[in-house]
Structures are given as C-alpha cells and as structure tokens.
Amino acid sequence: MTFSPAALVLLDLDGTLTDSFPGISASVTHAFTAAGLAVPTPTELRSFVGPPLPESFLAHGVPPARVAELVTSYRAVFAAGGMYDNAVYDGVLDALAELRRLGCALVVATSKPEIYAVPICERLGITPYVDGIFGAPLDHVPSSKALVIERALTGRDPGERRLMVGDREHDVLGAAAHGVPCLGVRWGYAAPDELEEAGAVRVVDRTDQLAPAVVDLLSL
C-alpha cells in the first residue's frame, strides 16, 4: 500500500506531538504571580495547553485590560527556556516516520506563536519529518486555530485528501472551519469527552494507533 502525494496531515503540536505542560504551566504560574492574581489550580493549568494564550487567560478570569500584561510576563519566562521544558511523546516520531515513508505530506499547525514553534520542532527532532511549521503571530493580532490552518492550506491543491490530528476541541473546530475532519488523540490535555463532543471523527488512545488511524481515515 502506498500513499498518494495528495494526502495531507495537519498536526497540532502541544499535547499532540509533544508534552509541553511543564514549561507552559511554569510560565503561566509566573504570569499570574507577577500580576498579583490567584494562580490557577494544577487541573486548571492543564487547560492552558493548546488554546491561544490570550483566550486561556480570559477564560481564567484575567480582566481583558490586563491580558497583554500577562502574555508579556508569560513570554519572558517561556522564551528564556520554558519552551524547551518539553518532550516528544514516546512513539510519535515513529508514527511520523511511517507516514512519511508512505508518502504522506505532514505539516505542523499550532496555536503557539510560530517564532517559538519552529525552534521547538528543531530542538525536539520533529522538523525532519514535516514539510512546514505554521503557528500564530507573536504580536497581539487576533489569531485562532482556524486562521493557522488557513495559512497552512494556502496554495495547496484543494482536491487533496486532508486530515487534522489534535488533542483539543480547538483543533477539531479549527479544522472543521475548512472542511477538514479531525482525528483526536487521548494522550493530550482534553477534558473527558471534549474531543467527541467537538466532532472528532475518531479518537485514539495510544501513539502506536496514530499512523494506522490516519491510513484508515484517509482511505489510503
């Protein structure tokens, strides 16, 4: 069995390819502490993995007028090294290698600012397996997963078979905005039933199920 070169898989980064919680949680904790605000609970901190950062701060009670302040505090710690307190999930690179071997095009599509996503992928050995890395802008221009995916799809063959892989509802909904189905992964940071309720076409529990599920869903 071989893949058509017209098959594209869009890959979320945080919670899908990598476990970035340690660096993200430390940076979020610093931002709340520096602002004199109550730090979210450990369970609440998990929800910061995946969505756009300003959206997460708003969801956890940060006044809109102070969101930019907390984003700046967060990024000071994150850029100083927190972004590398991160690791690829066991088995993920094997799955990417298998999909590449079969001829599938792979791109990273993340809500993380692209200026961070690119060096993270390079440091963690993801870059050789993908054909592009797309992320959000660093400034406070409004962004969303749908906008990141739009950039990743720009210039591509509209007739190609496409699939998103992600661990949060934002991945499912952002892909759906472009008519792309989403395969959910259980090892990330979704709340129970979050992916199913958002409309994921399937959810896999283990990284060794990732490549076979992509093959099946793309009918390749």
N, C-alpha and C. Protein backbone atom coordinates (compact mmCIF):
# COMPACT_ATOMS: atom_id res chain seq x y z
N MET A 1 0.86 -1.20 0.00
CA MET A 1 0.00 0.00 0.00
C MET A 1 0.89 1.24 0.00
N THR A 2 0.56 2.21 -0.84
CA THR A 2 1.31 3.45 -0.87
C THR A 2 0.37 4.64 -0.76
N PHE A 3 0.87 5.73 -0.26
CA PHE A 3 0.09 6.95 -0.14
C PHE A 3 0.17 7.75 -1.44
N SER A 4 -0.93 8.40 -1.76
CA SER A 4 -0.89 9.40 -2.83
C SER A 4 -0.18 10.62 -2.29
N PRO A 5 0.62 11.31 -3.10
CA PRO A 5 1.26 12.53 -2.62
C PRO A 5 0.25 13.64 -2.35
N ALA A 6 -1.03 13.41 -2.73
CA ALA A 6 -2.06 14.42 -2.50
C ALA A 6 -2.71 14.27 -1.12
N ALA A 7 -2.13 13.46 -0.24
CA ALA A 7 -2.67 13.29 1.12
C ALA A 7 -1.90 14.18 2.08
N LEU A 8 -2.62 15.00 2.84
CA LEU A 8 -2.00 15.94 3.77
C LEU A 8 -2.52 15.69 5.18
N VAL A 9 -1.60 15.64 6.14
CA VAL A 9 -1.97 15.54 7.55
C VAL A 9 -1.44 16.77 8.27
N LEU A 10 -2.37 17.52 8.89
CA LEU A 10 -2.02 18.69 9.70
C LEU A 10 -1.89 18.24 11.15
N LEU A 11 -0.82 18.61 11.79
CA LEU A 11 -0.51 18.12 13.13
C LEU A 11 -0.46 19.25 14.15
N ASP A 12 -1.28 19.14 15.18
CA ASP A 12 -1.15 20.04 16.31
C ASP A 12 0.19 19.74 16.99
N LEU A 13 0.70 20.67 17.77
CA LEU A 13 1.99 20.48 18.43
C LEU A 13 1.82 20.13 19.91
N ASP A 14 1.39 21.10 20.72
CA ASP A 14 1.27 20.89 22.17
C ASP A 14 0.17 19.88 22.49
N GLY A 15 0.53 18.84 23.23
CA GLY A 15 -0.45 17.86 23.64
C GLY A 15 -0.72 16.80 22.59
N THR A 16 -0.15 16.97 21.40
CA THR A 16 -0.33 16.00 20.32
C THR A 16 1.01 15.38 19.94
N LEU A 17 1.95 16.21 19.55
CA LEU A 17 3.30 15.73 19.26
C LEU A 17 4.18 15.78 20.51
N THR A 18 3.98 16.82 21.33
CA THR A 18 4.85 17.00 22.49
C THR A 18 4.07 17.24 23.77
N ASP A 19 4.69 16.84 24.88
CA ASP A 19 4.14 17.12 26.21
C ASP A 19 4.82 18.39 26.71
N SER A 20 4.16 19.50 26.48
CA SER A 20 4.75 20.81 26.79
C SER A 20 4.24 21.39 28.11
N PHE A 21 3.51 20.59 28.88
CA PHE A 21 2.90 21.11 30.11
C PHE A 21 3.90 21.70 31.10
N PRO A 22 5.05 21.06 31.36
CA PRO A 22 5.95 21.64 32.37
C PRO A 22 6.34 23.08 32.09
N GLY A 23 6.76 23.39 30.87
CA GLY A 23 7.17 24.75 30.55
C GLY A 23 6.02 25.72 30.50
N ILE A 24 4.88 25.27 29.98
CA ILE A 24 3.71 26.14 29.90
C ILE A 24 3.17 26.46 31.29
N SER A 25 3.05 25.44 32.14
CA SER A 25 2.48 25.66 33.48
C SER A 25 3.37 26.58 34.31
N ALA A 26 4.69 26.43 34.20
CA ALA A 26 5.60 27.30 34.94
C ALA A 26 5.48 28.74 34.46
N SER A 27 5.33 28.93 33.15
CA SER A 27 5.23 30.28 32.59
C SER A 27 3.90 30.93 32.96
N VAL A 28 2.83 30.15 32.96
CA VAL A 28 1.52 30.67 33.35
C VAL A 28 1.53 31.06 34.83
N THR A 29 2.11 30.19 35.66
CA THR A 29 2.19 30.47 37.09
C THR A 29 2.95 31.77 37.35
N HIS A 30 4.05 31.97 36.65
CA HIS A 30 4.81 33.21 36.78
C HIS A 30 3.97 34.42 36.40
N ALA A 31 3.23 34.31 35.31
CA ALA A 31 2.43 35.44 34.83
C ALA A 31 1.36 35.85 35.85
N PHE A 32 0.66 34.87 36.41
CA PHE A 32 -0.37 35.18 37.41
C PHE A 32 0.27 35.75 38.68
N THR A 33 1.37 35.16 39.10
CA THR A 33 2.03 35.62 40.31
C THR A 33 2.54 37.05 40.16
N ALA A 34 3.18 37.34 39.03
CA ALA A 34 3.71 38.68 38.78
C ALA A 34 2.61 39.73 38.73
N ALA A 35 1.41 39.29 38.32
CA ALA A 35 0.28 40.23 38.21
C ALA A 35 -0.49 40.35 39.52
N GLY A 36 -0.10 39.55 40.53
CA GLY A 36 -0.80 39.60 41.80
C GLY A 36 -2.16 38.94 41.75
N LEU A 37 -2.33 37.99 40.83
CA LEU A 37 -3.60 37.27 40.68
C LEU A 37 -3.46 35.85 41.18
N ALA A 38 -4.58 35.26 41.58
CA ALA A 38 -4.57 33.89 42.08
C ALA A 38 -4.16 32.93 40.97
N VAL A 39 -3.20 32.07 41.27
CA VAL A 39 -2.71 31.10 40.29
C VAL A 39 -3.75 30.00 40.11
N PRO A 40 -4.05 29.62 38.89
CA PRO A 40 -4.99 28.52 38.66
C PRO A 40 -4.52 27.23 39.33
N THR A 41 -5.45 26.36 39.62
CA THR A 41 -5.13 25.06 40.21
C THR A 41 -4.36 24.21 39.21
N PRO A 42 -3.69 23.15 39.67
CA PRO A 42 -3.00 22.26 38.73
C PRO A 42 -3.91 21.74 37.62
N THR A 43 -5.14 21.41 37.98
CA THR A 43 -6.08 20.93 36.97
C THR A 43 -6.40 22.03 35.97
N GLU A 44 -6.60 23.24 36.46
CA GLU A 44 -6.90 24.36 35.57
C GLU A 44 -5.71 24.69 34.68
N LEU A 45 -4.50 24.54 35.20
CA LEU A 45 -3.31 24.82 34.40
C LEU A 45 -3.22 23.91 33.18
N ARG A 46 -3.72 22.70 33.29
CA ARG A 46 -3.69 21.77 32.16
C ARG A 46 -4.46 22.32 30.96
N SER A 47 -5.49 23.10 31.23
CA SER A 47 -6.32 23.61 30.13
C SER A 47 -5.61 24.68 29.31
N PHE A 48 -4.45 25.17 29.80
CA PHE A 48 -3.69 26.16 29.04
C PHE A 48 -2.93 25.53 27.87
N VAL A 49 -2.81 24.22 27.86
CA VAL A 49 -2.07 23.55 26.79
C VAL A 49 -2.97 23.42 25.58
N GLY A 50 -2.66 24.14 24.52
CA GLY A 50 -3.40 24.02 23.28
C GLY A 50 -4.03 25.30 22.77
N PRO A 51 -4.96 25.91 23.53
CA PRO A 51 -5.66 27.09 23.00
C PRO A 51 -4.74 28.30 22.91
N PRO A 52 -5.14 29.32 22.13
CA PRO A 52 -4.38 30.58 22.11
C PRO A 52 -4.27 31.14 23.53
N LEU A 53 -3.11 31.67 23.87
CA LEU A 53 -2.85 32.12 25.23
C LEU A 53 -3.81 33.21 25.71
N PRO A 54 -4.06 34.26 24.93
CA PRO A 54 -4.99 35.29 25.41
C PRO A 54 -6.37 34.71 25.75
N GLU A 55 -6.82 33.77 24.94
CA GLU A 55 -8.11 33.12 25.18
C GLU A 55 -8.11 32.39 26.52
N SER A 56 -7.01 31.72 26.82
CA SER A 56 -6.92 30.98 28.08
C SER A 56 -6.90 31.91 29.29
N PHE A 57 -6.17 33.02 29.18
CA PHE A 57 -6.15 33.98 30.29
C PHE A 57 -7.56 34.53 30.54
N LEU A 58 -8.26 34.88 29.49
CA LEU A 58 -9.63 35.38 29.66
C LEU A 58 -10.53 34.34 30.30
N ALA A 59 -10.37 33.09 29.89
CA ALA A 59 -11.21 32.01 30.42
C ALA A 59 -10.97 31.77 31.90
N HIS A 60 -9.81 32.21 32.40
CA HIS A 60 -9.48 32.00 33.81
C HIS A 60 -9.53 33.30 34.60
N GLY A 61 -10.37 34.22 34.15
CA GLY A 61 -10.70 35.39 34.95
C GLY A 61 -9.80 36.58 34.85
N VAL A 62 -8.85 36.57 33.94
CA VAL A 62 -7.99 37.75 33.79
C VAL A 62 -8.79 38.85 33.11
N PRO A 63 -8.84 40.05 33.68
CA PRO A 63 -9.57 41.15 33.04
C PRO A 63 -9.01 41.43 31.65
N PRO A 64 -9.87 41.69 30.69
CA PRO A 64 -9.39 41.95 29.32
C PRO A 64 -8.29 42.99 29.23
N ALA A 65 -8.37 44.03 30.07
CA ALA A 65 -7.38 45.10 30.02
C ALA A 65 -6.00 44.64 30.50
N ARG A 66 -5.93 43.48 31.16
CA ARG A 66 -4.65 43.01 31.69
C ARG A 66 -4.09 41.81 30.93
N VAL A 67 -4.80 41.33 29.94
CA VAL A 67 -4.34 40.14 29.21
C VAL A 67 -2.98 40.36 28.58
N ALA A 68 -2.76 41.51 27.92
CA ALA A 68 -1.48 41.77 27.27
C ALA A 68 -0.34 41.76 28.29
N GLU A 69 -0.60 42.27 29.48
CA GLU A 69 0.41 42.28 30.56
C GLU A 69 0.82 40.86 30.92
N LEU A 70 -0.16 39.97 31.08
CA LEU A 70 0.14 38.60 31.46
C LEU A 70 0.80 37.83 30.31
N VAL A 71 0.41 38.14 29.09
CA VAL A 71 1.06 37.50 27.94
C VAL A 71 2.54 37.86 27.91
N THR A 72 2.85 39.13 28.18
CA THR A 72 4.25 39.57 28.19
C THR A 72 5.04 38.88 29.28
N SER A 73 4.45 38.77 30.48
CA SER A 73 5.13 38.09 31.59
C SER A 73 5.35 36.61 31.27
N TYR A 74 4.34 36.00 30.71
CA TYR A 74 4.44 34.59 30.32
C TYR A 74 5.59 34.38 29.34
N ARG A 75 5.62 35.21 28.31
CA ARG A 75 6.61 35.01 27.25
C ARG A 75 8.02 35.29 27.72
N ALA A 76 8.18 36.14 28.72
CA ALA A 76 9.52 36.40 29.24
C ALA A 76 10.14 35.13 29.80
N VAL A 77 9.35 34.36 30.53
CA VAL A 77 9.83 33.10 31.12
C VAL A 77 9.89 32.01 30.06
N PHE A 78 8.88 31.96 29.22
CA PHE A 78 8.81 30.92 28.20
C PHE A 78 9.97 31.01 27.23
N ALA A 79 10.25 32.22 26.74
CA ALA A 79 11.33 32.40 25.78
C ALA A 79 12.70 32.22 26.40
N ALA A 80 12.81 32.44 27.72
CA ALA A 80 14.10 32.29 28.41
C ALA A 80 14.49 30.84 28.61
N GLY A 81 13.62 29.91 28.27
CA GLY A 81 13.95 28.49 28.40
C GLY A 81 12.77 27.59 28.67
N GLY A 82 11.66 28.17 29.12
CA GLY A 82 10.49 27.35 29.43
C GLY A 82 9.98 26.57 28.24
N MET A 83 10.17 27.11 27.04
CA MET A 83 9.64 26.42 25.86
C MET A 83 10.37 25.11 25.59
N TYR A 84 11.56 24.96 26.16
CA TYR A 84 12.31 23.72 25.97
C TYR A 84 12.10 22.73 27.10
N ASP A 85 11.29 23.09 28.09
CA ASP A 85 10.90 22.15 29.13
C ASP A 85 9.74 21.35 28.56
N ASN A 86 10.06 20.44 27.67
CA ASN A 86 9.13 19.90 26.69
C ASN A 86 9.72 18.60 26.17
N ALA A 87 8.90 17.65 25.76
CA ALA A 87 9.40 16.39 25.24
C ALA A 87 8.42 15.79 24.25
N VAL A 88 8.96 15.11 23.24
CA VAL A 88 8.10 14.41 22.28
C VAL A 88 7.53 13.17 22.96
N TYR A 89 6.25 12.93 22.76
CA TYR A 89 5.64 11.72 23.31
C TYR A 89 6.28 10.48 22.70
N ASP A 90 6.48 9.46 23.51
CA ASP A 90 7.04 8.20 23.02
C ASP A 90 6.19 7.66 21.87
N GLY A 91 6.85 7.30 20.80
CA GLY A 91 6.15 6.70 19.66
C GLY A 91 5.71 7.68 18.59
N VAL A 92 5.71 8.98 18.89
CA VAL A 92 5.24 9.96 17.91
C VAL A 92 6.16 10.04 16.70
N LEU A 93 7.46 10.10 16.92
CA LEU A 93 8.37 10.20 15.77
C LEU A 93 8.31 8.94 14.91
N ASP A 94 8.08 7.79 15.52
CA ASP A 94 7.92 6.56 14.75
C ASP A 94 6.69 6.67 13.85
N ALA A 95 5.60 7.24 14.40
CA ALA A 95 4.38 7.40 13.60
C ALA A 95 4.61 8.36 12.44
N LEU A 96 5.31 9.48 12.71
CA LEU A 96 5.59 10.43 11.64
C LEU A 96 6.48 9.81 10.57
N ALA A 97 7.46 9.04 11.01
CA ALA A 97 8.36 8.38 10.05
C ALA A 97 7.59 7.42 9.16
N GLU A 98 6.65 6.70 9.74
CA GLU A 98 5.85 5.76 8.95
C GLU A 98 4.99 6.48 7.93
N LEU A 99 4.37 7.58 8.34
CA LEU A 99 3.54 8.34 7.41
C LEU A 99 4.37 8.96 6.29
N ARG A 100 5.56 9.43 6.64
CA ARG A 100 6.44 9.96 5.60
C ARG A 100 6.90 8.84 4.66
N ARG A 101 7.19 7.67 5.22
CA ARG A 101 7.62 6.54 4.39
C ARG A 101 6.56 6.18 3.36
N LEU A 102 5.31 6.33 3.76
CA LEU A 102 4.20 6.02 2.87
C LEU A 102 3.86 7.16 1.92
N GLY A 103 4.58 8.27 2.02
CA GLY A 103 4.42 9.37 1.08
C GLY A 103 3.44 10.44 1.48
N CYS A 104 3.04 10.48 2.74
CA CYS A 104 2.08 11.48 3.20
C CYS A 104 2.78 12.80 3.50
N ALA A 105 2.20 13.90 3.08
CA ALA A 105 2.73 15.22 3.43
C ALA A 105 2.27 15.57 4.83
N LEU A 106 3.18 16.09 5.66
CA LEU A 106 2.89 16.44 7.05
C LEU A 106 3.24 17.89 7.30
N VAL A 107 2.34 18.63 7.98
CA VAL A 107 2.68 19.99 8.40
C VAL A 107 2.21 20.19 9.83
N VAL A 108 2.96 20.95 10.59
CA VAL A 108 2.56 21.34 11.93
C VAL A 108 1.68 22.57 11.83
N ALA A 109 0.53 22.55 12.53
CA ALA A 109 -0.37 23.70 12.59
C ALA A 109 -0.72 23.91 14.05
N THR A 110 -0.12 24.92 14.67
CA THR A 110 -0.23 25.11 16.10
C THR A 110 -0.67 26.53 16.46
N SER A 111 -1.39 26.65 17.58
CA SER A 111 -1.77 27.97 18.08
C SER A 111 -0.60 28.68 18.76
N LYS A 112 0.49 27.95 19.00
CA LYS A 112 1.69 28.55 19.58
C LYS A 112 2.29 29.53 18.57
N PRO A 113 2.82 30.66 19.02
CA PRO A 113 3.49 31.56 18.07
C PRO A 113 4.54 30.82 17.25
N GLU A 114 4.54 31.09 15.97
CA GLU A 114 5.45 30.39 15.06
C GLU A 114 6.91 30.61 15.44
N ILE A 115 7.22 31.78 15.99
CA ILE A 115 8.60 32.08 16.37
C ILE A 115 9.11 31.13 17.44
N TYR A 116 8.21 30.53 18.22
CA TYR A 116 8.58 29.51 19.21
C TYR A 116 8.45 28.10 18.63
N ALA A 117 7.42 27.89 17.83
CA ALA A 117 7.16 26.55 17.31
C ALA A 117 8.32 26.03 16.46
N VAL A 118 8.90 26.92 15.66
CA VAL A 118 9.98 26.48 14.76
C VAL A 118 11.20 25.97 15.54
N PRO A 119 11.76 26.73 16.50
CA PRO A 119 12.91 26.20 17.23
C PRO A 119 12.57 25.01 18.12
N ILE A 120 11.36 24.94 18.65
CA ILE A 120 10.96 23.79 19.44
C ILE A 120 10.98 22.53 18.58
N CYS A 121 10.41 22.62 17.39
CA CYS A 121 10.41 21.46 16.49
C CYS A 121 11.83 21.07 16.10
N GLU A 122 12.67 22.06 15.91
CA GLU A 122 14.07 21.76 15.57
C GLU A 122 14.77 21.07 16.74
N ARG A 123 14.60 21.61 17.95
CA ARG A 123 15.27 21.06 19.14
C ARG A 123 14.81 19.62 19.43
N LEU A 124 13.53 19.35 19.22
CA LEU A 124 12.97 18.05 19.59
C LEU A 124 13.00 17.03 18.45
N GLY A 125 13.58 17.40 17.32
CA GLY A 125 13.75 16.44 16.22
C GLY A 125 12.52 16.21 15.37
N ILE A 126 11.57 17.13 15.42
CA ILE A 126 10.34 16.99 14.62
C ILE A 126 10.52 17.51 13.20
N THR A 127 11.32 18.55 13.04
CA THR A 127 11.46 19.24 11.76
C THR A 127 11.78 18.33 10.58
N PRO A 128 12.67 17.33 10.70
CA PRO A 128 12.96 16.49 9.53
C PRO A 128 11.77 15.71 9.00
N TYR A 129 10.73 15.56 9.81
CA TYR A 129 9.58 14.76 9.40
C TYR A 129 8.46 15.57 8.77
N VAL A 130 8.54 16.90 8.83
CA VAL A 130 7.43 17.71 8.35
C VAL A 130 7.84 18.61 7.20
N ASP A 131 6.82 19.03 6.43
CA ASP A 131 7.06 19.85 5.25
C ASP A 131 6.85 21.33 5.52
N GLY A 132 6.39 21.66 6.72
CA GLY A 132 6.19 23.05 7.08
C GLY A 132 5.73 23.17 8.52
N ILE A 133 5.97 24.33 9.13
CA ILE A 133 5.57 24.60 10.51
C ILE A 133 4.84 25.93 10.52
N PHE A 134 3.56 25.89 10.87
CA PHE A 134 2.72 27.08 10.85
C PHE A 134 2.19 27.35 12.25
N GLY A 135 2.32 28.61 12.69
CA GLY A 135 1.85 28.98 14.01
C GLY A 135 1.20 30.34 13.99
N ALA A 136 0.88 30.83 15.19
CA ALA A 136 0.23 32.13 15.33
C ALA A 136 1.26 33.25 15.26
N PRO A 137 0.81 34.49 15.04
CA PRO A 137 1.73 35.64 15.11
C PRO A 137 2.14 35.89 16.55
N LEU A 138 3.29 36.51 16.75
CA LEU A 138 3.78 36.78 18.10
C LEU A 138 3.08 37.97 18.73
N ASP A 139 2.66 38.93 17.91
CA ASP A 139 2.05 40.13 18.47
C ASP A 139 0.61 39.84 18.89
N HIS A 140 -0.13 40.87 19.21
CA HIS A 140 -1.47 40.68 19.74
C HIS A 140 -2.55 40.73 18.65
N VAL A 141 -2.16 40.47 17.41
CA VAL A 141 -3.14 40.32 16.34
C VAL A 141 -4.00 39.11 16.67
N PRO A 142 -5.33 39.25 16.65
CA PRO A 142 -6.18 38.10 16.98
C PRO A 142 -5.86 36.91 16.09
N SER A 143 -5.76 35.73 16.69
CA SER A 143 -5.47 34.53 15.94
C SER A 143 -6.36 33.41 16.46
N SER A 144 -6.44 32.36 15.70
CA SER A 144 -7.23 31.20 16.09
C SER A 144 -6.66 29.99 15.36
N LYS A 145 -7.08 28.79 15.78
CA LYS A 145 -6.61 27.60 15.08
C LYS A 145 -7.09 27.59 13.64
N ALA A 146 -8.29 28.10 13.40
CA ALA A 146 -8.80 28.16 12.03
C ALA A 146 -7.92 29.03 11.14
N LEU A 147 -7.43 30.15 11.67
CA LEU A 147 -6.57 31.03 10.88
C LEU A 147 -5.21 30.40 10.61
N VAL A 148 -4.68 29.67 11.61
CA VAL A 148 -3.41 28.98 11.40
C VAL A 148 -3.56 27.91 10.31
N ILE A 149 -4.65 27.16 10.38
CA ILE A 149 -4.90 26.12 9.38
C ILE A 149 -5.09 26.74 8.00
N GLU A 150 -5.75 27.88 7.94
CA GLU A 150 -5.92 28.58 6.66
C GLU A 150 -4.57 28.89 6.02
N ARG A 151 -3.63 29.36 6.83
CA ARG A 151 -2.29 29.63 6.31
C ARG A 151 -1.61 28.36 5.83
N ALA A 152 -1.78 27.28 6.60
CA ALA A 152 -1.14 26.01 6.24
C ALA A 152 -1.69 25.45 4.93
N LEU A 153 -2.94 25.77 4.63
CA LEU A 153 -3.58 25.24 3.42
C LEU A 153 -3.39 26.14 2.20
N THR A 154 -2.92 27.36 2.41
CA THR A 154 -2.77 28.31 1.31
C THR A 154 -1.83 27.78 0.23
N GLY A 155 -2.32 27.79 -0.98
CA GLY A 155 -1.51 27.37 -2.11
C GLY A 155 -1.50 25.88 -2.38
N ARG A 156 -2.19 25.11 -1.54
CA ARG A 156 -2.20 23.66 -1.73
C ARG A 156 -3.34 23.26 -2.67
N ASP A 157 -3.25 22.06 -3.20
CA ASP A 157 -4.27 21.51 -4.09
C ASP A 157 -5.57 21.34 -3.32
N PRO A 158 -6.64 22.04 -3.68
CA PRO A 158 -7.89 21.92 -2.94
C PRO A 158 -8.52 20.53 -3.04
N GLY A 159 -8.06 19.72 -3.99
CA GLY A 159 -8.62 18.38 -4.14
C GLY A 159 -7.89 17.31 -3.33
N GLU A 160 -6.83 17.69 -2.62
CA GLU A 160 -6.08 16.69 -1.86
C GLU A 160 -6.89 16.19 -0.67
N ARG A 161 -6.62 14.97 -0.26
CA ARG A 161 -7.24 14.43 0.95
C ARG A 161 -6.54 15.01 2.16
N ARG A 162 -7.32 15.43 3.16
CA ARG A 162 -6.76 16.14 4.30
C ARG A 162 -7.30 15.60 5.61
N LEU A 163 -6.46 15.66 6.64
CA LEU A 163 -6.87 15.24 7.98
C LEU A 163 -6.09 16.05 9.00
N MET A 164 -6.78 16.52 10.03
CA MET A 164 -6.14 17.19 11.17
C MET A 164 -5.95 16.17 12.28
N VAL A 165 -4.88 16.31 13.04
CA VAL A 165 -4.67 15.48 14.23
C VAL A 165 -4.43 16.42 15.41
N GLY A 166 -5.24 16.28 16.46
CA GLY A 166 -5.08 17.20 17.59
C GLY A 166 -5.67 16.64 18.87
N ASP A 167 -5.39 17.33 19.97
CA ASP A 167 -5.82 16.83 21.29
C ASP A 167 -6.88 17.71 21.96
N ARG A 168 -7.29 18.83 21.32
CA ARG A 168 -8.26 19.72 21.96
C ARG A 168 -9.38 20.07 20.98
N GLU A 169 -10.48 20.58 21.53
CA GLU A 169 -11.62 20.95 20.70
C GLU A 169 -11.25 22.03 19.68
N HIS A 170 -10.28 22.87 20.02
CA HIS A 170 -9.87 23.93 19.10
C HIS A 170 -9.32 23.34 17.79
N ASP A 171 -8.67 22.19 17.89
CA ASP A 171 -8.17 21.53 16.69
C ASP A 171 -9.32 21.03 15.84
N VAL A 172 -10.30 20.42 16.49
CA VAL A 172 -11.46 19.89 15.77
C VAL A 172 -12.23 21.01 15.09
N LEU A 173 -12.53 22.06 15.84
CA LEU A 173 -13.34 23.15 15.31
C LEU A 173 -12.59 23.98 14.27
N GLY A 174 -11.30 24.20 14.51
CA GLY A 174 -10.50 24.96 13.54
C GLY A 174 -10.40 24.23 12.21
N ALA A 175 -10.24 22.90 12.27
CA ALA A 175 -10.19 22.12 11.04
C ALA A 175 -11.54 22.09 10.34
N ALA A 176 -12.61 21.96 11.13
CA ALA A 176 -13.96 21.90 10.56
C ALA A 176 -14.30 23.17 9.79
N ALA A 177 -13.72 24.30 10.21
CA ALA A 177 -13.98 25.57 9.52
C ALA A 177 -13.50 25.52 8.07
N HIS A 178 -12.62 24.57 7.77
CA HIS A 178 -12.10 24.42 6.42
C HIS A 178 -12.51 23.09 5.80
N GLY A 179 -13.50 22.45 6.40
CA GLY A 179 -13.99 21.19 5.86
C GLY A 179 -13.05 20.03 6.05
N VAL A 180 -12.16 20.12 7.03
CA VAL A 180 -11.17 19.08 7.28
C VAL A 180 -11.58 18.27 8.52
N PRO A 181 -11.70 16.96 8.42
CA PRO A 181 -12.02 16.15 9.60
C PRO A 181 -10.83 16.09 10.55
N CYS A 182 -11.10 15.79 11.81
CA CYS A 182 -10.03 15.76 12.81
C CYS A 182 -10.01 14.43 13.54
N LEU A 183 -8.82 13.85 13.61
CA LEU A 183 -8.55 12.68 14.44
C LEU A 183 -8.07 13.16 15.79
N GLY A 184 -8.77 12.82 16.86
CA GLY A 184 -8.37 13.23 18.19
C GLY A 184 -7.41 12.25 18.83
N VAL A 185 -6.53 12.77 19.72
CA VAL A 185 -5.60 11.91 20.44
C VAL A 185 -5.86 12.07 21.94
N ARG A 186 -5.93 10.94 22.64
CA ARG A 186 -6.34 10.93 24.03
C ARG A 186 -5.20 11.27 24.99
N TRP A 187 -3.95 11.21 24.52
CA TRP A 187 -2.83 11.40 25.45
C TRP A 187 -2.55 12.86 25.76
N GLY A 188 -3.30 13.78 25.17
CA GLY A 188 -3.07 15.20 25.38
C GLY A 188 -3.84 15.76 26.56
N TYR A 189 -4.43 16.93 26.37
CA TYR A 189 -4.97 17.68 27.51
C TYR A 189 -6.46 17.99 27.40
N ALA A 190 -7.18 17.23 26.61
CA ALA A 190 -8.63 17.43 26.51
C ALA A 190 -9.33 16.97 27.77
N ALA A 191 -10.42 17.65 28.11
CA ALA A 191 -11.29 17.18 29.19
C ALA A 191 -12.02 15.94 28.70
N PRO A 192 -12.56 15.13 29.62
CA PRO A 192 -13.31 13.95 29.20
C PRO A 192 -14.41 14.31 28.20
N ASP A 193 -14.47 13.56 27.12
CA ASP A 193 -15.49 13.73 26.06
C ASP A 193 -15.36 15.03 25.27
N GLU A 194 -14.33 15.85 25.54
CA GLU A 194 -14.18 17.11 24.82
C GLU A 194 -14.06 16.90 23.32
N LEU A 195 -13.23 15.96 22.93
CA LEU A 195 -12.98 15.74 21.51
C LEU A 195 -14.21 15.19 20.80
N GLU A 196 -14.87 14.23 21.44
CA GLU A 196 -16.06 13.64 20.83
C GLU A 196 -17.17 14.68 20.68
N GLU A 197 -17.37 15.49 21.71
CA GLU A 197 -18.42 16.50 21.67
C GLU A 197 -18.13 17.58 20.62
N ALA A 198 -16.86 17.83 20.37
CA ALA A 198 -16.49 18.83 19.36
C ALA A 198 -16.67 18.30 17.94
N GLY A 199 -16.73 16.97 17.80
CA GLY A 199 -16.95 16.39 16.48
C GLY A 199 -15.78 15.64 15.88
N ALA A 200 -14.80 15.22 16.69
CA ALA A 200 -13.69 14.43 16.16
C ALA A 200 -14.24 13.16 15.52
N VAL A 201 -13.71 12.81 14.36
CA VAL A 201 -14.23 11.64 13.64
C VAL A 201 -13.80 10.33 14.29
N ARG A 202 -12.72 10.39 15.07
CA ARG A 202 -12.25 9.23 15.83
C ARG A 202 -11.27 9.74 16.86
N VAL A 203 -11.11 8.99 17.94
CA VAL A 203 -10.13 9.34 18.97
C VAL A 203 -9.29 8.10 19.25
N VAL A 204 -7.96 8.26 19.21
CA VAL A 204 -7.06 7.14 19.51
C VAL A 204 -6.44 7.34 20.89
N ASP A 205 -6.14 6.24 21.54
CA ASP A 205 -5.64 6.27 22.91
C ASP A 205 -4.12 6.22 23.01
N ARG A 206 -3.45 5.63 22.00
CA ARG A 206 -2.01 5.40 22.09
C ARG A 206 -1.33 5.87 20.80
N THR A 207 -0.06 6.23 20.95
CA THR A 207 0.67 6.73 19.78
C THR A 207 0.86 5.65 18.71
N ASP A 208 0.88 4.37 19.10
CA ASP A 208 1.05 3.34 18.09
C ASP A 208 -0.22 3.14 17.26
N GLN A 209 -1.31 3.79 17.66
CA GLN A 209 -2.55 3.73 16.88
C GLN A 209 -2.66 4.89 15.90
N LEU A 210 -1.74 5.84 15.99
CA LEU A 210 -1.86 7.07 15.21
C LEU A 210 -1.75 6.82 13.71
N ALA A 211 -0.65 6.24 13.26
CA ALA A 211 -0.46 6.03 11.83
C ALA A 211 -1.54 5.13 11.23
N PRO A 212 -1.89 4.00 11.86
CA PRO A 212 -2.97 3.17 11.30
C PRO A 212 -4.30 3.91 11.19
N ALA A 213 -4.61 4.77 12.15
CA ALA A 213 -5.86 5.52 12.09
C ALA A 213 -5.85 6.52 10.94
N VAL A 214 -4.71 7.17 10.71
CA VAL A 214 -4.60 8.10 9.59
C VAL A 214 -4.80 7.36 8.28
N VAL A 215 -4.16 6.20 8.13
CA VAL A 215 -4.31 5.40 6.92
C VAL A 215 -5.78 5.06 6.69
N ASP A 216 -6.46 4.64 7.74
CA ASP A 216 -7.85 4.24 7.61
C ASP A 216 -8.76 5.42 7.28
N LEU A 217 -8.58 6.53 7.99
CA LEU A 217 -9.47 7.67 7.79
C LEU A 217 -9.28 8.35 6.44
N LEU A 218 -8.08 8.30 5.91
CA LEU A 218 -7.83 8.89 4.59
C LEU A 218 -8.10 7.89 3.46
N SER A 219 -8.46 6.66 3.84
CA SER A 219 -8.76 5.61 2.87
C SER A 219 -7.63 5.42 1.87
N LEU A 220 -6.44 5.31 2.41
CA LEU A 220 -5.24 5.20 1.57
C LEU A 220 -4.55 3.85 1.78
